[in-house]
Amino acid sequence: MIGGLLFGIPVLWVTFMVSEPFQTIFLMLAGAILYSPMGASVTYAQEVAPEHKALVSAMMLGVVWFLGSLIAIGVGALGDVWSILTVMPAAIVVTGSIGVVLSFGLPKENRA
């Protein structure tokens, strides 16, 4: 999870610094990198509550979409005040940093 954020955030940030057609390439690459930890996240949640695997899986996806929607509203409102090209890179760095910090707080298991 941490690797996906640490690699995906800079790639997404670079997306706003380059011109087309490189923007599209970087956006697709960032999307793939940032989505890659989703399977591990769902599996981790299912291990926390093994008796409710389907519920936990649905909750993980629902929370991600809910928080993403809230952030999009905030970024859109700030983009109306300032330029969206100014707000997006800042929002990427802030939300990505929060995700990395929270990810370091997850318990670690050694499986041998």
C-alpha atoms as a PDB file:
ATOM      1  CA  MET A   1       0.000   0.000   0.000  1.00  0.00           C
ATOM      2  CA  ILE A   2       2.787   2.372   0.911  1.00  0.00           C
ATOM      3  CA  GLY A   3       4.668   1.624  -2.298  1.00  0.00           C
ATOM      4  CA  GLY A   4       1.621   2.346  -4.431  1.00  0.00           C
ATOM      5  CA  LEU A   5       1.238   5.754  -2.824  1.00  0.00           C
ATOM      6  CA  LEU A   6       4.939   6.580  -2.814  1.00  0.00           C
ATOM      7  CA  PHE A   7       5.288   5.778  -6.514  1.00  0.00           C
ATOM      8  CA  GLY A   8       1.849   6.849  -7.742  1.00  0.00           C
ATOM      9  CA  ILE A   9       1.697  10.333  -6.213  1.00  0.00           C
ATOM     10  CA  PRO A  10       4.822  11.667  -7.965  1.00  0.00           C
ATOM     11  CA  VAL A  11       3.672  10.176 -11.278  1.00  0.00           C
ATOM     12  CA  LEU A  12       0.258  11.823 -10.870  1.00  0.00           C
ATOM     13  CA  TRP A  13       1.898  15.119  -9.930  1.00  0.00           C
ATOM     14  CA  VAL A  14       4.103  14.968 -13.052  1.00  0.00           C
ATOM     15  CA  THR A  15       0.927  14.525 -15.118  1.00  0.00           C
ATOM     16  CA  PHE A  16       0.094  18.185 -14.533  1.00  0.00           C
ATOM     17  CA  MET A  17       3.585  19.349 -15.428  1.00  0.00           C
ATOM     18  CA  VAL A  18       3.851  17.827 -18.916  1.00  0.00           C
ATOM     19  CA  SER A  19       1.931  18.473 -22.124  1.00  0.00           C
ATOM     20  CA  GLU A  20      -0.120  16.153 -24.301  1.00  0.00           C
ATOM     21  CA  PRO A  21       0.292  13.305 -25.302  1.00  0.00           C
ATOM     22  CA  PHE A  22       2.491  12.677 -22.254  1.00  0.00           C
ATOM     23  CA  GLN A  23      -0.287  13.762 -19.878  1.00  0.00           C
ATOM     24  CA  THR A  24      -2.447  10.874 -21.000  1.00  0.00           C
ATOM     25  CA  ILE A  25       0.399   8.402 -20.632  1.00  0.00           C
ATOM     26  CA  PHE A  26       1.317   9.639 -17.144  1.00  0.00           C
ATOM     27  CA  LEU A  27      -2.350   9.694 -16.088  1.00  0.00           C
ATOM     28  CA  MET A  28      -2.857   6.079 -17.138  1.00  0.00           C
ATOM     29  CA  LEU A  29       0.364   5.042 -15.408  1.00  0.00           C
ATOM     30  CA  ALA A  30      -0.567   6.907 -12.209  1.00  0.00           C
ATOM     31  CA  GLY A  31      -4.034   5.336 -12.203  1.00  0.00           C
ATOM     32  CA  ALA A  32      -2.584   1.842 -12.519  1.00  0.00           C
ATOM     33  CA  ILE A  33      -0.021   2.444  -9.768  1.00  0.00           C
ATOM     34  CA  LEU A  34      -2.491   4.065  -7.363  1.00  0.00           C
ATOM     35  CA  TYR A  35      -5.116   1.352  -7.893  1.00  0.00           C
ATOM     36  CA  SER A  36      -2.642  -1.519  -7.502  1.00  0.00           C
ATOM     37  CA  PRO A  37      -2.813  -1.682  -3.664  1.00  0.00           C
ATOM     38  CA  MET A  38      -6.623  -2.012  -3.673  1.00  0.00           C
ATOM     39  CA  GLY A  39      -6.515  -5.816  -3.709  1.00  0.00           C
ATOM     40  CA  ALA A  40      -4.131  -5.869  -0.761  1.00  0.00           C
ATOM     41  CA  SER A  41      -6.325  -3.372   1.095  1.00  0.00           C
ATOM     42  CA  VAL A  42      -9.446  -5.477   0.648  1.00  0.00           C
ATOM     43  CA  THR A  43      -7.594  -8.653   1.610  1.00  0.00           C
ATOM     44  CA  TYR A  44      -6.182  -6.936   4.699  1.00  0.00           C
ATOM     45  CA  ALA A  45      -9.679  -5.830   5.728  1.00  0.00           C
ATOM     46  CA  GLN A  46     -11.022  -9.356   5.188  1.00  0.00           C
ATOM     47  CA  GLU A  47      -8.320 -10.752   7.465  1.00  0.00           C
ATOM     48  CA  VAL A  48      -9.328  -8.289  10.184  1.00  0.00           C
ATOM     49  CA  ALA A  49     -12.966  -9.483  10.052  1.00  0.00           C
ATOM     50  CA  PRO A  50     -12.923 -12.999   8.524  1.00  0.00           C
ATOM     51  CA  GLU A  51     -16.504 -13.765   9.517  1.00  0.00           C
ATOM     52  CA  HIS A  52     -17.825 -10.834   7.420  1.00  0.00           C
ATOM     53  CA  LYS A  53     -15.641 -10.911   4.308  1.00  0.00           C
ATOM     54  CA  ALA A  54     -18.279  -9.670   1.855  1.00  0.00           C
ATOM     55  CA  LEU A  55     -19.395  -6.841   4.119  1.00  0.00           C
ATOM     56  CA  VAL A  56     -15.843  -5.673   4.773  1.00  0.00           C
ATOM     57  CA  SER A  57     -15.007  -5.789   1.071  1.00  0.00           C
ATOM     58  CA  ALA A  58     -18.044  -3.671   0.210  1.00  0.00           C
ATOM     59  CA  MET A  59     -17.256  -1.240   3.019  1.00  0.00           C
ATOM     60  CA  MET A  60     -13.686  -0.770   1.801  1.00  0.00           C
ATOM     61  CA  LEU A  61     -14.806   0.077  -1.708  1.00  0.00           C
ATOM     62  CA  GLY A  62     -17.682   2.240  -0.469  1.00  0.00           C
ATOM     63  CA  VAL A  63     -15.478   4.269   1.851  1.00  0.00           C
ATOM     64  CA  VAL A  64     -12.916   4.841  -0.915  1.00  0.00           C
ATOM     65  CA  TRP A  65     -15.579   6.123  -3.313  1.00  0.00           C
ATOM     66  CA  PHE A  66     -17.246   8.233  -0.604  1.00  0.00           C
ATOM     67  CA  LEU A  67     -14.021   9.926   0.465  1.00  0.00           C
ATOM     68  CA  GLY A  68     -12.984  10.428  -3.151  1.00  0.00           C
ATOM     69  CA  SER A  69     -16.286  12.153  -3.853  1.00  0.00           C
ATOM     70  CA  LEU A  70     -15.914  14.447  -0.841  1.00  0.00           C
ATOM     71  CA  ILE A  71     -12.386  15.364  -1.856  1.00  0.00           C
ATOM     72  CA  ALA A  72     -13.537  16.035  -5.435  1.00  0.00           C
ATOM     73  CA  ILE A  73     -16.150  18.494  -4.162  1.00  0.00           C
ATOM     74  CA  GLY A  74     -13.533  20.320  -2.088  1.00  0.00           C
ATOM     75  CA  VAL A  75     -10.994  20.385  -4.914  1.00  0.00           C
ATOM     76  CA  GLY A  76     -13.662  21.645  -7.323  1.00  0.00           C
ATOM     77  CA  ALA A  77     -14.670  24.453  -4.975  1.00  0.00           C
ATOM     78  CA  LEU A  78     -11.045  25.495  -4.488  1.00  0.00           C
ATOM     79  CA  GLY A  79     -10.496  25.198  -8.239  1.00  0.00           C
ATOM     80  CA  ASP A  80     -13.288  27.725  -8.776  1.00  0.00           C
ATOM     81  CA  VAL A  81     -11.485  30.207  -6.541  1.00  0.00           C
ATOM     82  CA  TRP A  82      -7.994  29.514  -7.862  1.00  0.00           C
ATOM     83  CA  SER A  83      -7.137  27.650 -11.038  1.00  0.00           C
ATOM     84  CA  ILE A  84      -7.773  23.903 -11.074  1.00  0.00           C
ATOM     85  CA  LEU A  85      -4.240  23.498 -12.423  1.00  0.00           C
ATOM     86  CA  THR A  86      -3.002  25.175  -9.227  1.00  0.00           C
ATOM     87  CA  VAL A  87      -5.245  23.243  -6.852  1.00  0.00           C
ATOM     88  CA  MET A  88      -4.865  19.710  -8.275  1.00  0.00           C
ATOM     89  CA  PRO A  89      -1.113  19.259  -7.732  1.00  0.00           C
ATOM     90  CA  ALA A  90      -1.442  20.634  -4.193  1.00  0.00           C
ATOM     91  CA  ALA A  91      -4.412  18.341  -3.469  1.00  0.00           C
ATOM     92  CA  ILE A  92      -2.480  15.362  -4.811  1.00  0.00           C
ATOM     93  CA  VAL A  93       0.469  16.029  -2.528  1.00  0.00           C
ATOM     94  CA  VAL A  94      -1.690  16.712   0.554  1.00  0.00           C
ATOM     95  CA  THR A  95      -4.020  13.722   0.210  1.00  0.00           C
ATOM     96  CA  GLY A  96      -1.160  11.439  -0.822  1.00  0.00           C
ATOM     97  CA  SER A  97       0.912  12.486   2.178  1.00  0.00           C
ATOM     98  CA  ILE A  98      -2.006  11.801   4.505  1.00  0.00           C
ATOM     99  CA  GLY A  99      -2.416   8.347   2.942  1.00  0.00           C
ATOM    100  CA  VAL A 100       1.275   7.532   3.341  1.00  0.00           C
ATOM    101  CA  VAL A 101       1.293   8.641   6.987  1.00  0.00           C
ATOM    102  CA  LEU A 102      -1.826   6.585   7.752  1.00  0.00           C
ATOM    103  CA  SER A 103      -0.373   3.560   5.940  1.00  0.00           C
ATOM    104  CA  PHE A 104       2.699   3.572   8.156  1.00  0.00           C
ATOM    105  CA  GLY A 105       0.365   3.214  11.135  1.00  0.00           C
ATOM    106  CA  LEU A 106      -1.048  -0.119   9.949  1.00  0.00           C
ATOM    107  CA  PRO A 107       0.012  -3.134  11.994  1.00  0.00           C
ATOM    108  CA  LYS A 108       2.620  -5.322  10.382  1.00  0.00           C
ATOM    109  CA  GLU A 109       2.554  -9.102  10.439  1.00  0.00           C
ATOM    110  CA  ASN A 110       5.409 -11.448   9.790  1.00  0.00           C
ATOM    111  CA  ARG A 111       4.292 -14.570   7.990  1.00  0.00           C
ATOM    112  CA  ALA A 112       6.909 -17.245   7.845  1.00  0.00           C
END
